Amino acid sequence: MFKVVSPKTVKSVSDLQQIPPQCGPSTVDQMLSASGEPSTATAEDLLVVSPYTSRPHLLNLNLLDHAQNLLAKALTILAPITDAYATSSYISSFNWVAVFSLLAASAKAEGYTWRKQFFYVIIFRSQVPSSTNRSDLAALDIKAHAEAMQSGGLLKYWFGTPDAEGRNLATCIWRRREDAQPGSSGEGHKAAMRATINMYSEWQVERLKLIVGDNVENWDIIAWTN
């Protein structure tokens, strides 16, 4: 069982910075299909990196270096390998071995020498009571995600489906911590975080470091330390 934080302990919106605001599937992605900044990227340059597939939610690969490009593409196959991801350890919940096998193969195929580097990871574990309107959560999440994508550094956003007790997990993988900060200051994210206090019965945030070694021969996910 994971340790949780009660929304009653939140004192300000700043306490909720960099948290994915919702952990349930959305059916209202069309709300932002015509929004977002104009882009010169072609269809080949845009990558689906979340459950949302309209243009404001796509990752512009032109904004990434070669290594970040490769990792973003490998993360498209990220998927849970247990139904208990909401309460299980992060490493044991996903198909990381397959992700990094694909990353290594892609780097080799493109003649790219991968050097050790790290990435910033956010995990949001939550419990949503049955009284919460999930459509409202979804609408808030869609707007916040579109804002987060404007930094160009959100390589992956994934969320699951609440279990029988309303527990769930959402995660963001960023190219660096600095990319997460602008997304957490947008109006959409602030609105979502204010709603968190009333819409969740429990929540917990974890900040982790994803380390990928030379030639993708090893990898690890550890606690983030400043």
Protein backbone atom coordinates (compact mmCIF):
# COMPACT_ATOMS: atom_id res chain seq x y z
CA MET A 1 0.00 0.00 0.00
CA PHE A 2 1.46 3.36 -0.95
CA LYS A 3 1.75 6.27 1.44
CA VAL A 4 -0.79 8.94 0.62
CA VAL A 5 -1.30 12.62 1.33
CA SER A 6 -4.71 13.92 2.23
CA PRO A 7 -5.91 16.93 0.21
CA LYS A 8 -6.71 18.55 3.56
CA THR A 9 -2.98 19.10 4.10
CA VAL A 10 -2.60 21.28 1.00
CA LYS A 11 -2.04 24.91 1.88
CA SER A 12 -1.55 26.50 -1.54
CA VAL A 13 -1.50 25.82 -5.27
CA SER A 14 2.31 25.88 -5.12
CA ASP A 15 2.17 22.68 -3.05
CA LEU A 16 0.76 20.93 -6.09
CA GLN A 17 3.28 21.99 -8.74
CA GLN A 18 4.19 19.53 -11.53
CA ILE A 19 1.45 17.01 -10.74
CA PRO A 20 -0.57 15.37 -13.53
CA PRO A 21 -4.10 16.43 -12.47
CA GLN A 22 -6.18 13.40 -13.41
CA CYS A 23 -5.84 9.66 -13.60
CA GLY A 24 -8.81 8.51 -15.65
CA PRO A 25 -9.51 8.02 -19.33
CA SER A 26 -10.87 10.99 -21.25
CA THR A 27 -13.57 11.05 -23.87
CA VAL A 28 -13.56 14.78 -24.53
CA ASP A 29 -10.24 15.36 -26.34
CA GLN A 30 -12.05 17.30 -29.05
CA MET A 31 -12.30 20.25 -26.66
CA LEU A 32 -8.81 21.39 -27.59
CA SER A 33 -8.56 20.14 -31.15
CA ALA A 34 -8.44 23.65 -32.54
CA SER A 35 -6.31 25.26 -29.84
CA GLY A 36 -2.58 25.62 -29.27
CA GLU A 37 0.21 27.58 -30.88
CA PRO A 38 0.68 27.49 -34.67
CA SER A 39 3.41 25.06 -35.69
CA THR A 40 5.51 24.59 -38.81
CA ALA A 41 6.07 20.92 -38.00
CA THR A 42 4.93 18.39 -40.58
CA ALA A 43 2.97 15.26 -39.74
CA GLU A 44 6.22 13.27 -39.78
CA ASP A 45 7.65 15.54 -37.07
CA LEU A 46 4.76 15.06 -34.63
CA LEU A 47 4.56 12.11 -32.25
CA VAL A 48 1.66 10.85 -30.14
CA VAL A 49 3.05 10.62 -26.60
CA SER A 50 -0.13 10.52 -24.51
CA PRO A 51 -3.74 9.30 -24.66
CA TYR A 52 -4.59 12.57 -26.43
CA THR A 53 -4.09 12.58 -30.19
CA SER A 54 -5.13 16.04 -31.43
CA ARG A 55 -2.42 18.45 -32.58
CA PRO A 56 -1.93 20.51 -29.38
CA HIS A 57 -1.03 17.27 -27.56
CA LEU A 58 1.60 16.00 -30.00
CA LEU A 59 5.35 16.16 -29.41
CA ASN A 60 7.35 18.14 -31.95
CA LEU A 61 10.41 15.98 -32.58
CA ASN A 62 12.23 18.93 -34.13
CA LEU A 63 12.64 20.38 -30.63
CA LEU A 64 14.60 17.36 -29.38
CA ASP A 65 18.17 16.20 -29.82
CA HIS A 66 18.91 12.75 -31.26
CA ALA A 67 18.91 10.92 -27.93
CA GLN A 68 15.66 12.52 -26.76
CA ASN A 69 14.10 11.68 -30.12
CA LEU A 70 15.01 8.04 -29.76
CA LEU A 71 13.74 7.81 -26.18
CA ALA A 72 10.43 9.51 -27.01
CA LYS A 73 9.83 7.01 -29.79
CA ALA A 74 10.76 4.05 -27.59
CA LEU A 75 8.39 5.28 -24.87
CA THR A 76 5.47 4.99 -27.28
CA ILE A 77 5.35 1.28 -26.39
CA LEU A 78 5.30 1.92 -22.62
CA ALA A 79 2.51 -0.17 -21.11
CA PRO A 80 1.64 -1.70 -17.74
CA ILE A 81 2.45 -5.35 -17.12
CA THR A 82 0.24 -5.63 -14.04
CA ASP A 83 -3.27 -4.50 -13.24
CA ALA A 84 -2.05 -3.40 -9.80
CA TYR A 85 0.07 -0.49 -11.09
CA ALA A 86 -1.76 1.97 -8.83
CA THR A 87 -0.21 0.41 -5.72
CA SER A 88 2.79 -1.54 -7.09
CA SER A 89 6.34 -0.26 -7.48
CA TYR A 90 6.88 1.92 -10.54
CA ILE A 91 9.68 -0.22 -11.99
CA SER A 92 7.74 -3.48 -11.68
CA SER A 93 4.55 -2.00 -13.14
CA PHE A 94 5.71 -1.32 -16.72
CA ASN A 95 7.44 -3.02 -19.64
CA TRP A 96 10.71 -1.14 -19.16
CA VAL A 97 12.79 -4.02 -20.52
CA ALA A 98 10.93 -3.83 -23.83
CA VAL A 99 11.23 -0.03 -23.93
CA PHE A 100 15.00 -0.05 -23.46
CA SER A 101 15.47 -2.99 -25.82
CA LEU A 102 13.72 -0.93 -28.49
CA LEU A 103 15.80 2.12 -27.58
CA ALA A 104 19.05 0.16 -27.92
CA ALA A 105 17.97 -1.35 -31.24
CA SER A 106 16.89 2.02 -32.62
CA ALA A 107 20.16 3.70 -31.63
CA LYS A 108 22.13 0.90 -33.29
CA ALA A 109 20.00 1.06 -36.44
CA GLU A 110 20.59 4.81 -36.74
CA GLY A 111 24.30 4.55 -35.99
CA TYR A 112 23.91 6.65 -32.86
CA THR A 113 26.25 6.16 -29.89
CA TRP A 114 24.16 6.55 -26.77
CA ARG A 115 25.96 8.19 -23.86
CA LYS A 116 24.81 7.98 -20.24
CA GLN A 117 22.18 10.59 -19.42
CA PHE A 118 19.17 11.08 -17.19
CA PHE A 119 15.57 12.26 -17.44
CA TYR A 120 13.01 13.68 -15.01
CA VAL A 121 10.02 11.56 -13.97
CA ILE A 122 6.86 12.48 -12.09
CA ILE A 123 4.48 9.89 -10.62
CA PHE A 124 1.06 10.80 -9.31
CA ARG A 125 -0.78 8.15 -7.29
CA SER A 126 -4.34 8.97 -6.34
CA GLN A 127 -7.70 7.84 -5.11
CA VAL A 128 -10.84 9.39 -6.58
CA PRO A 129 -14.13 8.99 -4.69
CA SER A 130 -17.19 7.79 -6.58
CA SER A 131 -18.77 11.20 -6.07
CA THR A 132 -16.20 12.91 -8.32
CA ASN A 133 -17.32 13.79 -11.84
CA ARG A 134 -14.68 12.13 -14.03
CA SER A 135 -15.70 14.19 -17.05
CA ASP A 136 -14.72 17.32 -15.13
CA LEU A 137 -11.36 15.75 -14.28
CA ALA A 138 -10.80 14.82 -17.91
CA ALA A 139 -11.57 18.31 -19.16
CA LEU A 140 -9.08 19.82 -16.70
CA ASP A 141 -6.42 17.31 -17.64
CA ILE A 142 -6.77 17.95 -21.36
CA LYS A 143 -6.17 21.67 -20.98
CA ALA A 144 -3.26 21.18 -18.58
CA HIS A 145 -1.63 18.63 -20.89
CA ALA A 146 -1.84 20.96 -23.91
CA GLU A 147 -0.09 23.64 -21.84
CA ALA A 148 2.60 21.18 -20.74
CA MET A 149 3.33 20.22 -24.35
CA GLN A 150 4.26 23.80 -25.20
CA SER A 151 7.62 23.37 -23.45
CA GLY A 152 8.57 20.73 -26.01
CA GLY A 153 10.09 18.50 -23.36
CA LEU A 154 7.29 16.18 -22.22
CA LEU A 155 8.39 12.89 -23.76
CA LYS A 156 5.62 10.72 -22.32
CA TYR A 157 2.37 11.10 -20.41
CA TRP A 158 0.47 8.00 -19.34
CA PHE A 159 -2.44 7.37 -16.99
CA GLY A 160 -4.36 4.25 -16.13
CA THR A 161 -7.89 3.36 -15.22
CA PRO A 162 -9.03 3.57 -11.59
CA ASP A 163 -9.31 0.24 -9.81
CA ALA A 164 -12.32 -0.90 -7.81
CA GLU A 165 -11.32 1.43 -4.95
CA GLY A 166 -10.75 4.42 -7.24
CA ARG A 167 -6.95 4.20 -7.00
CA ASN A 168 -4.86 5.05 -10.04
CA LEU A 169 -1.46 6.13 -11.32
CA ALA A 170 -0.34 8.76 -13.80
CA THR A 171 3.19 9.52 -14.92
CA CYS A 172 5.14 12.12 -16.91
CA ILE A 173 8.62 11.63 -18.33
CA TRP A 174 10.43 14.88 -19.18
CA ARG A 175 13.73 15.44 -20.98
CA ARG A 176 14.78 17.63 -18.01
CA ARG A 177 13.28 19.08 -14.86
CA GLU A 178 13.33 22.63 -16.25
CA ASP A 179 10.82 21.64 -18.92
CA ALA A 180 8.26 20.68 -16.28
CA GLN A 181 8.27 24.07 -14.60
CA PRO A 182 6.57 26.17 -17.34
CA GLY A 183 3.82 23.58 -17.70
CA SER A 184 3.05 23.74 -13.97
CA SER A 185 2.58 27.50 -14.09
CA GLY A 186 -0.11 27.60 -16.79
CA GLU A 187 -3.69 28.59 -15.99
CA GLY A 188 -5.00 25.18 -17.00
CA HIS A 189 -2.63 23.40 -14.64
CA LYS A 190 -3.38 25.79 -11.78
CA ALA A 191 -7.11 25.22 -12.24
CA ALA A 192 -6.57 21.47 -12.23
CA MET A 193 -4.50 21.67 -9.07
CA ARG A 194 -7.12 23.73 -7.25
CA ALA A 195 -9.68 21.11 -8.22
CA THR A 196 -7.43 18.35 -6.85
CA ILE A 197 -8.20 19.44 -3.31
CA ASN A 198 -11.90 18.68 -3.77
CA MET A 199 -11.85 15.89 -6.34
CA TYR A 200 -9.35 13.47 -4.77
CA SER A 201 -9.62 11.74 -1.44
CA GLU A 202 -5.92 10.83 -1.41
CA TRP A 203 -2.88 11.63 -3.54
CA GLN A 204 0.89 11.22 -3.51
CA VAL A 205 3.62 12.69 -5.72
CA GLU A 206 6.96 11.03 -6.42
CA ARG A 207 9.86 12.66 -8.31
CA LEU A 208 12.29 10.21 -9.86
CA LYS A 209 15.37 10.15 -12.07
CA LEU A 210 15.48 7.84 -15.08
CA ILE A 211 19.11 6.98 -15.84
CA VAL A 212 20.06 5.32 -19.13
CA GLY A 213 23.67 4.13 -19.30
CA ASP A 214 26.16 4.11 -22.15
CA ASN A 215 24.95 2.20 -25.20
CA VAL A 216 21.70 1.53 -23.29
CA GLU A 217 23.47 -1.39 -21.63
CA ASN A 218 21.89 -0.59 -18.28
CA TRP A 219 19.22 1.66 -16.82
CA ASP A 220 17.70 2.54 -13.48
CA ILE A 221 14.95 4.63 -11.92
CA ILE A 222 15.89 6.20 -8.61
CA ALA A 223 14.65 8.95 -6.29
CA TRP A 224 15.25 12.48 -7.56
CA THR A 225 17.65 14.48 -5.43
CA ASN A 226 18.55 18.13 -5.99
